[in-house]
């Protein structure tokens, strides 16, 4: 905790819906054949490059790591 305050680190979270909400969304995506927009794929060993690409804010869509 002291490191959080002394370095003024910010932690933010997100809230998500219930499991039923997630299942409803997945079902709706499947029925309507919706696909996420993928900007680029990176192999896991290029994770630093993937984060740099994400940080550049020049992506449109998801930035994915291949495992």
Protein backbone atom coordinates (compact mmCIF):
# COMPACT_ATOMS: atom_id res chain seq x y z
CA UNK A 1 0.00 0.00 0.00
CA UNK A 2 2.72 2.56 0.74
CA UNK A 3 4.07 2.15 -2.82
CA UNK A 4 0.61 2.93 -4.21
CA UNK A 5 0.45 6.21 -2.34
CA UNK A 6 4.06 7.30 -2.64
CA UNK A 7 4.17 6.63 -6.39
CA UNK A 8 0.64 7.93 -6.97
CA UNK A 9 -0.29 4.71 -8.75
CA UNK A 10 -3.86 4.58 -9.99
CA UNK A 11 -5.84 1.36 -9.97
CA UNK A 12 -9.13 1.23 -11.80
CA UNK A 13 -11.48 -1.66 -12.22
CA UNK A 14 -14.44 -2.46 -14.35
CA UNK A 15 -17.66 -4.10 -13.40
CA UNK A 16 -19.26 -6.72 -15.53
CA UNK A 17 -22.71 -8.23 -15.65
CA UNK A 18 -23.80 -11.58 -14.39
CA UNK A 19 -23.01 -14.91 -15.96
CA UNK A 20 -26.53 -14.94 -17.43
CA UNK A 21 -25.84 -11.54 -19.05
CA UNK A 22 -22.61 -12.90 -20.57
CA UNK A 23 -24.38 -15.99 -21.89
CA UNK A 24 -27.15 -13.82 -23.39
CA UNK A 25 -24.56 -11.64 -25.12
CA UNK A 26 -22.70 -14.65 -26.53
CA UNK A 27 -25.96 -16.15 -27.76
CA UNK A 28 -26.93 -12.84 -29.45
CA UNK A 29 -23.49 -12.61 -31.08
CA UNK A 30 -23.80 -16.16 -32.43
CA UNK A 31 -27.37 -15.67 -33.70
CA UNK A 32 -26.45 -12.40 -35.45
CA UNK A 33 -23.06 -13.74 -36.59
CA UNK A 34 -21.23 -10.83 -34.99
CA UNK A 35 -17.44 -11.06 -34.90
CA UNK A 36 -15.04 -8.83 -32.97
CA UNK A 37 -12.83 -6.54 -35.02
CA UNK A 38 -9.22 -7.75 -34.79
CA UNK A 39 -6.55 -5.15 -35.46
CA UNK A 40 -3.44 -7.33 -35.15
CA UNK A 41 -2.24 -10.68 -33.82
CA UNK A 42 1.10 -11.00 -32.03
CA UNK A 43 2.89 -14.19 -30.97
CA UNK A 44 3.23 -14.40 -27.19
CA UNK A 45 6.99 -13.84 -27.36
CA UNK A 46 6.27 -10.39 -28.91
CA UNK A 47 4.15 -9.27 -25.96
CA UNK A 48 6.22 -6.09 -25.49
CA UNK A 49 5.59 -5.13 -29.12
CA UNK A 50 1.89 -5.86 -28.67
CA UNK A 51 1.70 -3.58 -25.64
CA UNK A 52 3.61 -0.86 -27.47
CA UNK A 53 1.15 -1.11 -30.38
CA UNK A 54 -1.76 -0.90 -27.94
CA UNK A 55 -0.23 2.06 -26.11
CA UNK A 56 0.24 3.92 -29.40
CA UNK A 57 -3.56 4.10 -29.67
CA UNK A 58 -3.28 3.57 -33.43
CA UNK A 59 -5.18 0.28 -33.35
CA UNK A 60 -8.77 -0.20 -34.42
CA UNK A 61 -10.22 -3.26 -32.75
CA UNK A 62 -8.69 -5.94 -30.60
CA UNK A 63 -4.95 -6.48 -30.17
CA UNK A 64 -4.49 -10.24 -29.68
CA UNK A 65 -1.75 -12.46 -28.32
CA UNK A 66 -1.42 -15.94 -29.79
CA UNK A 67 -0.69 -18.60 -27.18
